[in-house]
């Protein structure tokens, strides 16, 4: 069983990447939000879920252990397979936890392959296994802050997902690029 892979992205395909670890290239399925953050030649580390079926062995990669654990909980629900679970995680893990904890069927229904009944089943099956009392900051709120600040921090060597996760709690009074960078570095 593969639990973790670290290597260089040799190729980005549709919805997955080829991760070169030494002289072996692994085809790893990733969520579209993770896919958008990654570039070819990036050195990355992914937590892996291995899905074995009669005719297929697939790897699913996640940047955080939290995402992997939520994915495993999602695919434990009847009617939710690995591909659908990955689609659900195109929303942030915090948004999915919030939707489950607060019975937000609408957010889950937006996911391709999930209808109202499946969304309700996810909520019923996972409500006691997932906790999220606060409404999460949305990624779109962060995008509105200042894309230039995010790019500047990337040039300093920080990964986009690290920047976004850290800026979720930024006070609304901090708006310009310099203040955002200063806030990020002070809270790094």
N, C-alpha and C. Protein backbone atom coordinates (compact mmCIF):
# COMPACT_ATOMS: atom_id res chain seq x y z
N UNK A 1 0.84 -1.18 0.00
CA UNK A 1 0.00 0.00 0.00
C UNK A 1 0.89 1.24 0.00
N UNK A 2 0.62 2.16 -0.88
CA UNK A 2 1.38 3.41 -0.95
C UNK A 2 0.67 4.45 -0.09
N UNK A 3 1.39 5.08 0.84
CA UNK A 3 0.78 6.06 1.73
C UNK A 3 1.21 7.48 1.40
N UNK A 4 2.39 7.64 0.78
CA UNK A 4 2.96 8.96 0.59
C UNK A 4 3.91 8.91 -0.59
N UNK A 5 3.86 9.93 -1.44
CA UNK A 5 4.82 10.03 -2.55
C UNK A 5 5.42 11.43 -2.57
N UNK A 6 6.70 11.48 -2.85
CA UNK A 6 7.39 12.76 -2.98
C UNK A 6 8.20 12.70 -4.26
N UNK A 7 8.09 13.74 -5.06
CA UNK A 7 8.82 13.74 -6.31
C UNK A 7 8.56 14.98 -7.13
N UNK A 8 8.88 14.87 -8.42
CA UNK A 8 8.74 15.98 -9.36
C UNK A 8 7.63 15.68 -10.34
N UNK A 9 6.81 16.69 -10.61
CA UNK A 9 5.74 16.52 -11.60
C UNK A 9 6.38 16.53 -12.97
N UNK A 10 6.31 15.40 -13.67
CA UNK A 10 6.90 15.35 -15.00
C UNK A 10 5.88 15.72 -16.07
N UNK A 11 4.58 15.54 -15.78
CA UNK A 11 3.55 15.86 -16.78
C UNK A 11 2.22 16.10 -16.08
N UNK A 12 1.50 17.12 -16.56
CA UNK A 12 0.12 17.36 -16.10
C UNK A 12 -0.81 16.89 -17.21
N UNK A 13 -1.70 15.97 -16.87
CA UNK A 13 -2.69 15.48 -17.82
C UNK A 13 -4.05 16.01 -17.36
N UNK A 14 -5.12 15.59 -17.98
CA UNK A 14 -6.45 16.05 -17.57
C UNK A 14 -6.86 15.40 -16.26
N UNK A 15 -6.87 16.18 -15.18
CA UNK A 15 -7.31 15.68 -13.89
C UNK A 15 -6.31 14.85 -13.12
N UNK A 16 -5.15 14.62 -13.69
CA UNK A 16 -4.14 13.87 -12.95
C UNK A 16 -2.74 14.32 -13.37
N UNK A 17 -1.77 13.83 -12.62
CA UNK A 17 -0.38 14.19 -12.88
C UNK A 17 0.46 12.92 -12.94
N UNK A 18 1.60 13.03 -13.59
CA UNK A 18 2.59 11.95 -13.52
C UNK A 18 3.67 12.46 -12.57
N UNK A 19 3.81 11.76 -11.45
CA UNK A 19 4.77 12.15 -10.43
C UNK A 19 5.98 11.23 -10.51
N UNK A 20 7.13 11.81 -10.81
CA UNK A 20 8.37 11.06 -10.97
C UNK A 20 9.06 10.99 -9.61
N UNK A 21 9.16 9.78 -9.08
CA UNK A 21 9.88 9.56 -7.83
C UNK A 21 11.06 8.66 -8.14
N UNK A 22 12.21 9.26 -8.33
CA UNK A 22 13.37 8.50 -8.76
C UNK A 22 13.22 8.18 -10.22
N UNK A 23 13.16 6.92 -10.55
CA UNK A 23 13.01 6.54 -11.96
C UNK A 23 11.65 5.89 -12.23
N UNK A 24 10.69 6.11 -11.32
CA UNK A 24 9.35 5.56 -11.49
C UNK A 24 8.35 6.71 -11.58
N UNK A 25 7.49 6.67 -12.59
CA UNK A 25 6.45 7.69 -12.73
C UNK A 25 5.10 7.12 -12.32
N UNK A 26 4.46 7.76 -11.35
CA UNK A 26 3.15 7.33 -10.87
C UNK A 26 2.08 8.25 -11.44
N UNK A 27 1.00 7.67 -11.95
CA UNK A 27 -0.16 8.44 -12.40
C UNK A 27 -1.04 8.66 -11.17
N UNK A 28 -1.19 9.93 -10.76
CA UNK A 28 -1.92 10.26 -9.54
C UNK A 28 -3.09 11.17 -9.88
N UNK A 29 -4.29 10.77 -9.48
CA UNK A 29 -5.48 11.61 -9.64
C UNK A 29 -5.49 12.65 -8.53
N UNK A 30 -5.75 13.91 -8.88
CA UNK A 30 -5.82 14.99 -7.90
C UNK A 30 -7.08 15.82 -8.15
N UNK A 31 -7.53 16.54 -7.13
CA UNK A 31 -8.70 17.40 -7.30
C UNK A 31 -8.35 18.54 -8.25
N UNK A 32 -9.35 19.14 -8.86
CA UNK A 32 -9.08 20.21 -9.82
C UNK A 32 -8.48 21.43 -9.13
N UNK A 33 -8.79 21.66 -7.86
CA UNK A 33 -8.18 22.79 -7.15
C UNK A 33 -6.69 22.54 -6.92
N UNK A 34 -6.32 21.32 -6.57
CA UNK A 34 -4.91 20.97 -6.42
C UNK A 34 -4.21 21.02 -7.77
N UNK A 35 -4.87 20.49 -8.79
CA UNK A 35 -4.32 20.47 -10.15
C UNK A 35 -3.97 21.89 -10.61
N UNK A 36 -4.85 22.86 -10.32
CA UNK A 36 -4.63 24.24 -10.75
C UNK A 36 -3.43 24.88 -10.05
N UNK A 37 -3.14 24.44 -8.83
CA UNK A 37 -2.02 25.00 -8.07
C UNK A 37 -0.67 24.47 -8.52
N UNK A 38 -0.66 23.30 -9.13
CA UNK A 38 0.60 22.63 -9.45
C UNK A 38 1.10 22.99 -10.84
N UNK A 39 2.40 23.00 -10.99
CA UNK A 39 3.04 23.24 -12.28
C UNK A 39 4.00 22.08 -12.57
N UNK A 40 4.21 21.82 -13.86
CA UNK A 40 5.21 20.81 -14.22
C UNK A 40 6.56 21.24 -13.67
N UNK A 41 7.34 20.29 -13.27
CA UNK A 41 8.67 20.46 -12.68
C UNK A 41 8.63 20.84 -11.20
N UNK A 42 7.42 21.04 -10.61
CA UNK A 42 7.31 21.31 -9.17
C UNK A 42 7.73 20.06 -8.40
N UNK A 43 8.42 20.27 -7.30
CA UNK A 43 8.70 19.18 -6.37
C UNK A 43 7.59 19.21 -5.34
N UNK A 44 6.88 18.09 -5.20
CA UNK A 44 5.74 18.06 -4.29
C UNK A 44 5.73 16.78 -3.46
N UNK A 45 4.94 16.83 -2.40
CA UNK A 45 4.68 15.67 -1.56
C UNK A 45 3.17 15.48 -1.51
N UNK A 46 2.72 14.26 -1.70
CA UNK A 46 1.29 13.97 -1.67
C UNK A 46 1.00 12.78 -0.77
N UNK A 47 -0.06 12.89 0.02
CA UNK A 47 -0.58 11.75 0.76
C UNK A 47 -1.43 10.96 -0.23
N UNK A 48 -1.31 9.65 -0.22
CA UNK A 48 -1.91 8.82 -1.26
C UNK A 48 -2.97 7.88 -0.70
N UNK A 49 -4.06 7.77 -1.45
CA UNK A 49 -5.06 6.72 -1.23
C UNK A 49 -4.98 5.81 -2.44
N UNK A 50 -4.81 4.51 -2.20
CA UNK A 50 -4.75 3.54 -3.29
C UNK A 50 -6.10 2.84 -3.39
N UNK A 51 -6.69 2.92 -4.57
CA UNK A 51 -7.98 2.28 -4.82
C UNK A 51 -7.75 1.05 -5.70
N UNK A 52 -8.11 -0.12 -5.19
CA UNK A 52 -7.92 -1.37 -5.93
C UNK A 52 -9.28 -1.96 -6.25
N UNK A 53 -9.52 -2.16 -7.55
CA UNK A 53 -10.74 -2.82 -8.00
C UNK A 53 -10.34 -3.96 -8.92
N UNK A 54 -11.31 -4.74 -9.37
CA UNK A 54 -11.03 -5.90 -10.22
C UNK A 54 -10.14 -5.55 -11.40
N UNK A 55 -10.47 -4.48 -12.08
CA UNK A 55 -9.80 -4.15 -13.34
C UNK A 55 -8.96 -2.88 -13.27
N UNK A 56 -8.73 -2.34 -12.07
CA UNK A 56 -8.07 -1.04 -12.00
C UNK A 56 -7.39 -0.84 -10.64
N UNK A 57 -6.21 -0.25 -10.69
CA UNK A 57 -5.54 0.23 -9.48
C UNK A 57 -5.28 1.71 -9.73
N UNK A 58 -5.83 2.57 -8.87
CA UNK A 58 -5.70 4.01 -9.05
C UNK A 58 -5.13 4.64 -7.79
N UNK A 59 -4.35 5.70 -8.00
CA UNK A 59 -3.80 6.47 -6.89
C UNK A 59 -4.48 7.83 -6.85
N UNK A 60 -4.84 8.28 -5.65
CA UNK A 60 -5.46 9.59 -5.44
C UNK A 60 -4.56 10.36 -4.48
N UNK A 61 -4.13 11.56 -4.89
CA UNK A 61 -3.17 12.33 -4.10
C UNK A 61 -3.77 13.57 -3.47
N UNK A 62 -3.31 13.87 -2.25
CA UNK A 62 -3.81 15.01 -1.48
C UNK A 62 -2.65 15.75 -0.84
N UNK A 63 -2.74 17.08 -0.82
CA UNK A 63 -1.66 17.88 -0.27
C UNK A 63 -1.62 17.86 1.25
N UNK A 64 -2.75 17.58 1.88
CA UNK A 64 -2.78 17.53 3.34
C UNK A 64 -3.39 16.21 3.81
N UNK A 65 -3.01 15.83 5.00
CA UNK A 65 -3.57 14.63 5.62
C UNK A 65 -5.06 14.83 5.90
N UNK A 66 -5.44 16.06 6.21
CA UNK A 66 -6.84 16.40 6.47
C UNK A 66 -7.71 16.08 5.24
N UNK A 67 -7.24 16.47 4.05
CA UNK A 67 -7.98 16.18 2.81
C UNK A 67 -8.10 14.67 2.60
N UNK A 68 -7.02 13.94 2.83
CA UNK A 68 -7.03 12.48 2.66
C UNK A 68 -8.05 11.84 3.61
N UNK A 69 -8.05 12.25 4.87
CA UNK A 69 -8.98 11.67 5.84
C UNK A 69 -10.43 11.97 5.46
N UNK A 70 -10.70 13.19 5.00
CA UNK A 70 -12.06 13.54 4.58
C UNK A 70 -12.46 12.73 3.35
N UNK A 71 -11.53 12.54 2.42
CA UNK A 71 -11.77 11.72 1.23
C UNK A 71 -12.16 10.30 1.63
N UNK A 72 -11.41 9.71 2.56
CA UNK A 72 -11.71 8.34 3.01
C UNK A 72 -13.10 8.26 3.64
N UNK A 73 -13.47 9.29 4.39
CA UNK A 73 -14.81 9.30 4.98
C UNK A 73 -15.87 9.40 3.89
N UNK A 74 -15.63 10.24 2.89
CA UNK A 74 -16.60 10.41 1.80
C UNK A 74 -16.82 9.11 1.04
N UNK A 75 -15.74 8.41 0.72
CA UNK A 75 -15.90 7.18 -0.08
C UNK A 75 -16.43 6.01 0.74
N UNK A 76 -16.51 6.19 2.06
CA UNK A 76 -17.13 5.15 2.89
C UNK A 76 -18.66 5.19 2.79
N UNK A 77 -19.19 6.27 2.24
CA UNK A 77 -20.64 6.43 2.08
C UNK A 77 -21.09 5.66 0.84
N UNK A 78 -22.15 4.90 0.98
CA UNK A 78 -22.70 4.13 -0.14
C UNK A 78 -23.08 5.07 -1.29
N UNK A 79 -22.61 4.74 -2.48
CA UNK A 79 -22.92 5.55 -3.66
C UNK A 79 -21.87 6.60 -3.99
N UNK A 80 -20.84 6.71 -3.15
CA UNK A 80 -19.77 7.68 -3.40
C UNK A 80 -18.48 6.91 -3.64
N UNK A 81 -18.02 6.93 -4.89
CA UNK A 81 -16.77 6.28 -5.24
C UNK A 81 -15.62 7.27 -5.19
N UNK A 82 -14.41 6.81 -5.48
CA UNK A 82 -13.24 7.68 -5.43
C UNK A 82 -13.33 8.90 -6.36
N UNK A 83 -13.82 8.72 -7.57
CA UNK A 83 -13.89 9.86 -8.49
C UNK A 83 -14.90 10.90 -8.00
N UNK A 84 -16.02 10.45 -7.47
CA UNK A 84 -17.02 11.38 -6.93
C UNK A 84 -16.49 12.04 -5.66
N UNK A 85 -15.81 11.28 -4.83
CA UNK A 85 -15.20 11.84 -3.62
C UNK A 85 -14.22 12.94 -3.95
N UNK A 86 -13.44 12.72 -5.01
CA UNK A 86 -12.48 13.73 -5.46
C UNK A 86 -13.20 14.97 -5.98
N UNK A 87 -14.31 14.76 -6.68
CA UNK A 87 -15.12 15.89 -7.16
C UNK A 87 -15.64 16.73 -5.99
N UNK A 88 -16.07 16.06 -4.93
CA UNK A 88 -16.56 16.78 -3.75
C UNK A 88 -15.46 17.67 -3.20
N UNK A 89 -14.22 17.16 -3.20
CA UNK A 89 -13.10 17.92 -2.65
C UNK A 89 -12.59 19.02 -3.57
N UNK A 90 -13.26 19.24 -4.70
CA UNK A 90 -12.97 20.43 -5.49
C UNK A 90 -13.40 21.67 -4.71
N UNK A 91 -14.36 21.49 -3.80
CA UNK A 91 -14.65 22.52 -2.79
C UNK A 91 -13.55 22.37 -1.75
N UNK A 92 -13.30 23.37 -0.96
CA UNK A 92 -12.28 23.23 0.08
C UNK A 92 -12.75 22.21 1.12
N UNK A 93 -11.80 21.58 1.77
CA UNK A 93 -12.13 20.60 2.82
C UNK A 93 -12.95 21.27 3.91
N UNK A 94 -12.62 22.52 4.24
CA UNK A 94 -13.36 23.25 5.27
C UNK A 94 -14.81 23.46 4.85
N UNK A 95 -15.04 23.78 3.58
CA UNK A 95 -16.42 23.98 3.08
C UNK A 95 -17.21 22.68 3.14
N UNK A 96 -16.57 21.58 2.78
CA UNK A 96 -17.25 20.28 2.80
C UNK A 96 -17.59 19.89 4.24
N UNK A 97 -16.64 20.07 5.15
CA UNK A 97 -16.92 19.76 6.57
C UNK A 97 -18.07 20.62 7.09
N UNK A 98 -18.06 21.89 6.73
CA UNK A 98 -19.13 22.80 7.17
C UNK A 98 -20.48 22.34 6.61
N UNK A 99 -20.50 21.98 5.33
CA UNK A 99 -21.74 21.53 4.70
C UNK A 99 -22.28 20.28 5.38
N UNK A 100 -21.40 19.35 5.70
CA UNK A 100 -21.83 18.11 6.35
C UNK A 100 -22.32 18.40 7.78
N UNK A 101 -21.54 19.16 8.53
CA UNK A 101 -21.89 19.43 9.93
C UNK A 101 -23.18 20.23 10.06
N UNK A 102 -23.48 21.06 9.06
CA UNK A 102 -24.66 21.94 9.15
C UNK A 102 -25.79 21.54 8.20
N UNK A 103 -25.69 20.36 7.59
CA UNK A 103 -26.76 19.85 6.75
C UNK A 103 -26.99 20.64 5.47
N UNK A 104 -25.94 21.21 4.90
CA UNK A 104 -26.06 22.02 3.68
C UNK A 104 -26.06 21.11 2.45
N UNK A 105 -27.25 20.63 2.09
CA UNK A 105 -27.41 19.73 0.95
C UNK A 105 -27.03 20.43 -0.35
N UNK A 106 -27.33 21.72 -0.46
CA UNK A 106 -27.12 22.48 -1.71
C UNK A 106 -25.66 22.46 -2.15
N UNK A 107 -24.73 22.62 -1.22
CA UNK A 107 -23.31 22.63 -1.60
C UNK A 107 -22.90 21.28 -2.17
N UNK A 108 -23.33 20.21 -1.53
CA UNK A 108 -22.96 18.88 -1.99
C UNK A 108 -23.63 18.54 -3.32
N UNK A 109 -24.86 19.03 -3.52
CA UNK A 109 -25.59 18.76 -4.76
C UNK A 109 -24.93 19.40 -5.98
N UNK A 110 -24.14 20.44 -5.77
CA UNK A 110 -23.45 21.11 -6.89
C UNK A 110 -22.40 20.21 -7.52
N UNK A 111 -22.00 19.18 -6.80
CA UNK A 111 -20.96 18.27 -7.28
C UNK A 111 -21.52 17.35 -8.35
N UNK A 112 -20.84 17.25 -9.50
CA UNK A 112 -21.29 16.31 -10.54
C UNK A 112 -21.33 14.89 -9.98
N UNK A 113 -22.43 14.19 -10.25
CA UNK A 113 -22.56 12.81 -9.79
C UNK A 113 -23.24 12.67 -8.44
N UNK A 114 -23.58 13.80 -7.81
CA UNK A 114 -24.26 13.74 -6.52
C UNK A 114 -25.61 14.42 -6.62
N UNK A 115 -26.64 13.64 -6.40
CA UNK A 115 -28.00 14.17 -6.38
C UNK A 115 -28.42 14.45 -4.95
N UNK A 116 -29.68 14.81 -4.80
CA UNK A 116 -30.19 15.18 -3.48
C UNK A 116 -30.11 14.01 -2.49
N UNK A 117 -30.48 12.81 -2.94
CA UNK A 117 -30.48 11.65 -2.03
C UNK A 117 -29.06 11.30 -1.57
N UNK A 118 -28.11 11.34 -2.50
CA UNK A 118 -26.72 11.03 -2.12
C UNK A 118 -26.18 12.10 -1.19
N UNK A 119 -26.50 13.36 -1.47
CA UNK A 119 -26.05 14.46 -0.59
C UNK A 119 -26.61 14.27 0.82
N UNK A 120 -27.88 13.90 0.91
CA UNK A 120 -28.49 13.66 2.22
C UNK A 120 -27.85 12.46 2.91
N UNK A 121 -27.53 11.42 2.15
CA UNK A 121 -26.88 10.23 2.72
C UNK A 121 -25.50 10.60 3.27
N UNK A 122 -24.75 11.43 2.53
CA UNK A 122 -23.42 11.87 3.00
C UNK A 122 -23.57 12.59 4.33
N UNK A 123 -24.53 13.50 4.40
CA UNK A 123 -24.73 14.28 5.63
C UNK A 123 -25.13 13.37 6.79
N UNK A 124 -26.06 12.46 6.56
CA UNK A 124 -26.52 11.56 7.63
C UNK A 124 -25.38 10.65 8.10
N UNK A 125 -24.64 10.06 7.15
CA UNK A 125 -23.58 9.11 7.51
C UNK A 125 -22.38 9.78 8.18
N UNK A 126 -22.07 11.02 7.79
CA UNK A 126 -20.83 11.64 8.25
C UNK A 126 -21.00 12.76 9.28
N UNK A 127 -22.24 13.14 9.56
CA UNK A 127 -22.47 14.28 10.46
C UNK A 127 -21.75 14.12 11.80
N UNK A 128 -21.77 12.94 12.37
CA UNK A 128 -21.12 12.72 13.67
C UNK A 128 -19.62 12.45 13.55
N UNK A 129 -19.14 12.24 12.34
CA UNK A 129 -17.72 11.95 12.13
C UNK A 129 -16.93 13.19 11.72
N UNK A 130 -17.65 14.26 11.37
CA UNK A 130 -17.01 15.48 10.88
C UNK A 130 -17.50 16.63 11.74
N UNK A 131 -16.56 17.48 12.17
CA UNK A 131 -17.00 18.65 12.95
C UNK A 131 -16.46 19.93 12.31
N UNK A 132 -17.34 20.89 12.17
CA UNK A 132 -16.97 22.20 11.63
C UNK A 132 -18.08 23.16 12.05
N UNK A 133 -17.86 23.91 13.09
CA UNK A 133 -18.92 24.78 13.58
C UNK A 133 -18.90 26.16 12.93
N UNK A 134 -17.74 26.62 12.51
CA UNK A 134 -17.66 27.95 11.91
C UNK A 134 -17.75 27.85 10.40
N UNK A 135 -18.36 28.86 9.80
CA UNK A 135 -18.42 28.92 8.36
C UNK A 135 -17.01 29.24 7.86
N UNK A 136 -16.48 28.46 6.91
CA UNK A 136 -15.11 28.67 6.45
C UNK A 136 -14.97 29.90 5.58
N UNK A 137 -13.77 30.47 5.59
CA UNK A 137 -13.46 31.53 4.62
C UNK A 137 -13.41 30.87 3.27
N UNK A 138 -13.98 31.49 2.29
CA UNK A 138 -14.01 30.89 0.97
C UNK A 138 -12.77 31.30 0.18
N UNK A 139 -12.29 30.43 -0.69
CA UNK A 139 -11.13 30.73 -1.52
C UNK A 139 -11.37 31.98 -2.35
N UNK A 140 -12.61 32.19 -2.79
CA UNK A 140 -12.89 33.37 -3.62
C UNK A 140 -12.67 34.64 -2.83
N UNK A 141 -12.90 34.62 -1.53
CA UNK A 141 -12.64 35.81 -0.71
C UNK A 141 -11.15 36.14 -0.74
N UNK A 142 -10.32 35.13 -0.69
CA UNK A 142 -8.88 35.34 -0.71
C UNK A 142 -8.44 35.86 -2.07
N UNK A 143 -9.01 35.33 -3.14
CA UNK A 143 -8.66 35.80 -4.48
C UNK A 143 -8.92 37.29 -4.61
N UNK A 144 -9.98 37.77 -3.96
CA UNK A 144 -10.33 39.18 -4.05
C UNK A 144 -9.35 40.06 -3.29
N UNK A 145 -8.58 39.50 -2.38
CA UNK A 145 -7.65 40.30 -1.59
C UNK A 145 -6.63 40.97 -2.50
N UNK A 146 -5.76 40.19 -3.09
CA UNK A 146 -4.72 40.78 -3.92
C UNK A 146 -3.88 39.66 -4.53
N UNK A 147 -4.12 39.38 -5.78
CA UNK A 147 -3.38 38.32 -6.48
C UNK A 147 -1.89 38.66 -6.57
N UNK A 148 -1.56 39.96 -6.65
CA UNK A 148 -0.15 40.36 -6.71
C UNK A 148 0.60 39.96 -5.44
N UNK A 149 -0.05 40.10 -4.30
CA UNK A 149 0.58 39.71 -3.03
C UNK A 149 0.84 38.20 -3.01
N UNK A 150 -0.11 37.44 -3.50
CA UNK A 150 0.05 35.98 -3.54
C UNK A 150 1.22 35.61 -4.45
N UNK A 151 1.30 36.25 -5.61
CA UNK A 151 2.41 35.97 -6.54
C UNK A 151 3.75 36.37 -5.94
N UNK A 152 3.80 37.49 -5.23
CA UNK A 152 5.04 37.93 -4.59
C UNK A 152 5.49 36.91 -3.54
N UNK A 153 4.55 36.40 -2.78
CA UNK A 153 4.89 35.39 -1.77
C UNK A 153 5.34 34.08 -2.41
N UNK A 154 4.76 33.75 -3.57
CA UNK A 154 5.21 32.56 -4.30
C UNK A 154 6.66 32.74 -4.75
N UNK A 155 7.02 33.95 -5.16
CA UNK A 155 8.40 34.21 -5.59
C UNK A 155 9.38 34.10 -4.42
N UNK A 156 8.87 34.31 -3.21
CA UNK A 156 9.71 34.15 -2.02
C UNK A 156 9.88 32.68 -1.62
N UNK A 157 9.21 31.79 -2.37
CA UNK A 157 9.40 30.36 -2.14
C UNK A 157 8.25 29.65 -1.44
N UNK A 158 7.20 30.38 -1.12
CA UNK A 158 6.05 29.74 -0.48
C UNK A 158 5.15 29.10 -1.53
N UNK A 159 4.50 28.01 -1.16
CA UNK A 159 3.56 27.33 -2.06
C UNK A 159 2.21 28.02 -1.99
N UNK A 160 1.51 28.02 -3.13
CA UNK A 160 0.22 28.70 -3.22
C UNK A 160 -0.77 28.21 -2.16
N UNK A 161 -0.85 26.89 -1.95
CA UNK A 161 -1.82 26.39 -0.97
C UNK A 161 -1.46 26.82 0.45
N UNK A 162 -0.14 26.96 0.76
CA UNK A 162 0.27 27.45 2.07
C UNK A 162 -0.17 28.89 2.26
N UNK A 163 0.03 29.69 1.22
CA UNK A 163 -0.34 31.11 1.27
C UNK A 163 -1.84 31.25 1.49
N UNK A 164 -2.61 30.54 0.69
CA UNK A 164 -4.07 30.65 0.75
C UNK A 164 -4.58 30.20 2.12
N UNK A 165 -4.06 29.09 2.62
CA UNK A 165 -4.50 28.60 3.93
C UNK A 165 -4.18 29.61 5.04
N UNK A 166 -3.03 30.26 4.95
CA UNK A 166 -2.64 31.20 5.99
C UNK A 166 -3.42 32.51 5.88
N UNK A 167 -3.79 32.90 4.67
CA UNK A 167 -4.49 34.17 4.47
C UNK A 167 -6.00 34.07 4.70
N UNK A 168 -6.51 32.89 4.98
CA UNK A 168 -7.95 32.75 5.22
C UNK A 168 -8.41 33.55 6.43
N UNK A 169 -7.54 33.72 7.40
CA UNK A 169 -7.91 34.42 8.64
C UNK A 169 -7.43 35.86 8.67
N UNK A 170 -7.05 36.41 7.53
CA UNK A 170 -6.53 37.77 7.49
C UNK A 170 -7.64 38.77 7.85
N UNK A 171 -7.34 39.75 8.69
CA UNK A 171 -8.35 40.76 9.02
C UNK A 171 -8.78 41.54 7.77
N UNK A 172 -10.06 41.91 7.75
CA UNK A 172 -10.59 42.63 6.59
C UNK A 172 -9.96 43.99 6.39
N UNK A 173 -9.36 44.55 7.45
CA UNK A 173 -8.74 45.88 7.34
C UNK A 173 -7.45 45.85 6.54
N UNK A 174 -6.86 44.68 6.39
CA UNK A 174 -5.61 44.56 5.63
C UNK A 174 -5.96 44.30 4.18
N UNK A 175 -5.65 45.26 3.31
CA UNK A 175 -6.06 45.15 1.91
C UNK A 175 -4.92 45.30 0.91
N UNK A 176 -3.96 46.21 1.17
CA UNK A 176 -2.95 46.43 0.13
C UNK A 176 -1.84 45.37 0.18
N UNK A 177 -1.11 45.30 -0.91
CA UNK A 177 -0.12 44.25 -1.12
C UNK A 177 0.93 44.19 -0.01
N UNK A 178 1.50 45.34 0.36
CA UNK A 178 2.54 45.37 1.39
C UNK A 178 2.03 44.85 2.72
N UNK A 179 0.83 45.28 3.11
CA UNK A 179 0.27 44.86 4.39
C UNK A 179 -0.01 43.35 4.40
N UNK A 180 -0.47 42.84 3.27
CA UNK A 180 -0.77 41.41 3.16
C UNK A 180 0.51 40.60 3.32
N UNK A 181 1.57 41.02 2.63
CA UNK A 181 2.86 40.31 2.71
C UNK A 181 3.40 40.38 4.13
N UNK A 182 3.35 41.55 4.75
CA UNK A 182 3.83 41.72 6.12
C UNK A 182 3.04 40.81 7.08
N UNK A 183 1.72 40.81 6.95
CA UNK A 183 0.87 39.95 7.79
C UNK A 183 1.26 38.48 7.62
N UNK A 184 1.43 38.06 6.37
CA UNK A 184 1.78 36.66 6.08
C UNK A 184 3.11 36.29 6.73
N UNK A 185 4.13 37.13 6.55
CA UNK A 185 5.46 36.81 7.07
C UNK A 185 5.49 36.83 8.60
N UNK A 186 4.71 37.71 9.21
CA UNK A 186 4.65 37.76 10.68
C UNK A 186 3.94 36.54 11.25
N UNK A 187 3.03 35.97 10.48
CA UNK A 187 2.26 34.83 10.96
C UNK A 187 2.74 33.51 10.35
N UNK A 188 3.89 33.52 9.72
CA UNK A 188 4.41 32.31 9.07
C UNK A 188 4.96 31.33 10.08
